[in-house]
Amino acid sequence: MSIELLKQVFRSCVSRETCYPFQGDWSPEVLMRGQSDVVALVLQDLLGGVILYCAHFRHYWNQLPDGRQVDLTIEDLEEYITPCVDKVLTKEQILNDETSKISRIPERYNLLKGRILKLLPEMVEYGFDK
């Protein structure tokens, strides 16, 4: 399964409902803005690895088991943002963090994961992974 296919699937599945609730500038033109937490969680479920976190920009992305870093949300961040790795986090740390309830991470994660798991097999079946 290619990263490009996954990028298409994620871009088809994110929405205002899966976005960080205090992300005032989300729009269909910047689909992935405010989505890094839930996107990193679901991508880890699919591909394994660890979740990297930049505290300064409150941004999450993935490091795959082979060492490659994958950030499906970076292109919709502000141009001047260059995240740095401050922490390596587990899914449990993110879902159980004190701010998780305020930012509705568990609900947003489950919504996005359900959408991804529904759409991904259809795209693979119809050859979008080639």
Protein backbone atom coordinates (compact mmCIF):
# COMPACT_ATOMS: atom_id res chain seq x y z
CA MET A 1 0.00 0.00 0.00
CA SER A 2 1.60 3.25 -1.13
CA ILE A 3 1.88 6.45 0.84
CA GLU A 4 0.30 8.26 -2.14
CA LEU A 5 -2.78 6.03 -1.96
CA LEU A 6 -3.03 6.61 1.78
CA LYS A 7 -2.70 10.36 1.24
CA GLN A 8 -5.65 10.27 -1.20
CA VAL A 9 -7.74 8.19 1.20
CA PHE A 10 -7.03 10.45 4.17
CA ARG A 11 -7.77 13.60 2.14
CA SER A 12 -11.11 12.05 1.13
CA CYS A 13 -12.03 11.22 4.72
CA VAL A 14 -11.08 14.28 6.79
CA SER A 15 -13.64 17.00 7.46
CA ARG A 16 -14.58 19.76 9.87
CA GLU A 17 -15.81 17.01 12.22
CA THR A 18 -12.38 15.33 12.36
CA CYS A 19 -10.53 18.67 12.70
CA TYR A 20 -9.10 20.04 15.94
CA PRO A 21 -12.14 21.92 17.32
CA PHE A 22 -10.31 25.19 17.90
CA GLN A 23 -8.79 25.34 14.41
CA GLY A 24 -10.60 28.43 13.18
CA ASP A 25 -9.02 28.52 9.73
CA TRP A 26 -9.94 25.01 8.55
CA SER A 27 -11.62 24.90 5.14
CA PRO A 28 -11.84 22.50 2.18
CA GLU A 29 -8.93 24.42 0.65
CA VAL A 30 -6.71 23.35 3.58
CA LEU A 31 -8.25 19.95 4.32
CA MET A 32 -5.44 18.60 6.46
CA ARG A 33 -5.08 21.62 8.73
CA GLY A 34 -5.94 20.72 12.32
CA GLN A 35 -5.92 17.00 11.53
CA SER A 36 -2.38 15.94 12.47
CA ASP A 37 -3.26 14.24 15.75
CA VAL A 38 -5.98 11.96 14.39
CA VAL A 39 -4.21 11.35 11.07
CA ALA A 40 -1.04 10.24 12.88
CA LEU A 41 -3.06 7.92 15.14
CA VAL A 42 -4.89 6.21 12.26
CA LEU A 43 -1.76 5.98 10.11
CA GLN A 44 0.03 4.27 13.00
CA ASP A 45 -2.84 1.78 13.22
CA LEU A 46 -2.39 0.99 9.53
CA LEU A 47 1.42 0.98 9.18
CA GLY A 48 2.86 0.71 12.70
CA GLY A 49 5.84 2.72 13.86
CA VAL A 50 5.79 5.61 16.31
CA ILE A 51 4.16 9.03 16.51
CA LEU A 52 6.42 12.08 16.61
CA TYR A 53 5.32 15.32 18.25
CA CYS A 54 6.45 18.94 17.97
CA ALA A 55 5.30 20.83 21.06
CA HIS A 56 5.94 24.29 19.61
CA PHE A 57 3.47 23.83 16.74
CA ARG A 58 1.35 21.11 18.42
CA HIS A 59 1.96 18.92 15.38
CA TYR A 60 2.02 15.12 15.08
CA TRP A 61 3.42 12.87 12.34
CA ASN A 62 4.69 9.33 11.93
CA GLN A 63 7.94 7.43 11.80
CA LEU A 64 7.41 4.07 10.14
CA PRO A 65 9.08 0.84 11.29
CA ASP A 66 11.65 1.23 8.45
CA GLY A 67 12.66 4.65 9.82
CA ARG A 68 10.97 6.82 7.16
CA GLN A 69 9.07 9.83 8.46
CA VAL A 70 5.63 10.37 6.95
CA ASP A 71 3.59 13.53 7.49
CA LEU A 72 0.31 13.47 5.56
CA THR A 73 -0.73 16.89 6.92
CA ILE A 74 2.41 18.98 6.41
CA GLU A 75 1.41 20.58 3.12
CA ASP A 76 -1.60 22.30 4.65
CA LEU A 77 0.41 23.87 7.47
CA GLU A 78 1.58 27.44 7.26
CA GLU A 79 4.59 27.77 4.96
CA TYR A 80 6.93 28.94 7.70
CA ILE A 81 6.34 25.93 9.95
CA THR A 82 9.13 23.39 10.27
CA PRO A 83 8.24 20.92 13.01
CA CYS A 84 10.98 19.41 15.15
CA VAL A 85 10.74 16.21 17.18
CA ASP A 86 10.22 17.03 20.84
CA LYS A 87 8.66 13.73 21.89
CA VAL A 88 7.88 10.24 20.70
CA LEU A 89 4.36 9.38 21.85
CA THR A 90 2.19 6.30 22.07
CA LYS A 91 -1.44 6.16 21.05
CA GLU A 92 -2.40 5.73 24.68
CA GLN A 93 -0.49 8.87 25.70
CA ILE A 94 -2.29 10.92 23.05
CA LEU A 95 -5.76 9.50 23.71
CA ASN A 96 -5.43 9.80 27.49
CA ASP A 97 -3.68 13.17 27.67
CA GLU A 98 -5.43 15.77 29.84
CA THR A 99 -6.20 17.91 26.77
CA SER A 100 -7.56 14.95 24.81
CA LYS A 101 -11.11 15.42 26.10
CA ILE A 102 -11.11 19.16 25.39
CA SER A 103 -9.92 18.61 21.84
CA ARG A 104 -12.17 15.54 21.38
CA ILE A 105 -9.29 13.38 20.14
CA PRO A 106 -10.92 9.99 20.89
CA GLU A 107 -14.15 10.89 19.09
CA ARG A 108 -12.35 12.48 16.13
CA TYR A 109 -9.93 9.54 15.89
CA ASN A 110 -12.74 6.97 15.89
CA LEU A 111 -14.71 8.91 13.28
CA LEU A 112 -11.71 9.21 10.95
CA LYS A 113 -10.61 5.61 11.48
CA GLY A 114 -14.11 4.37 10.62
CA ARG A 115 -14.14 6.41 7.41
CA ILE A 116 -10.63 5.24 6.42
CA LEU A 117 -11.39 1.57 7.07
CA LYS A 118 -14.53 1.85 4.95
CA LEU A 119 -12.92 3.64 1.98
CA LEU A 120 -9.50 1.99 1.84
CA PRO A 121 -10.63 -1.51 0.78
CA GLU A 122 -12.79 0.02 -1.96
CA MET A 123 -9.86 1.99 -3.38
CA VAL A 124 -7.59 -1.06 -3.29
CA GLU A 125 -10.29 -3.22 -4.91
CA TYR A 126 -10.67 -0.80 -7.81
CA GLY A 127 -6.93 -0.59 -8.43
CA PHE A 128 -6.14 2.81 -6.93
CA ASP A 129 -3.13 1.27 -5.19
CA LYS A 130 -1.33 0.58 -8.50
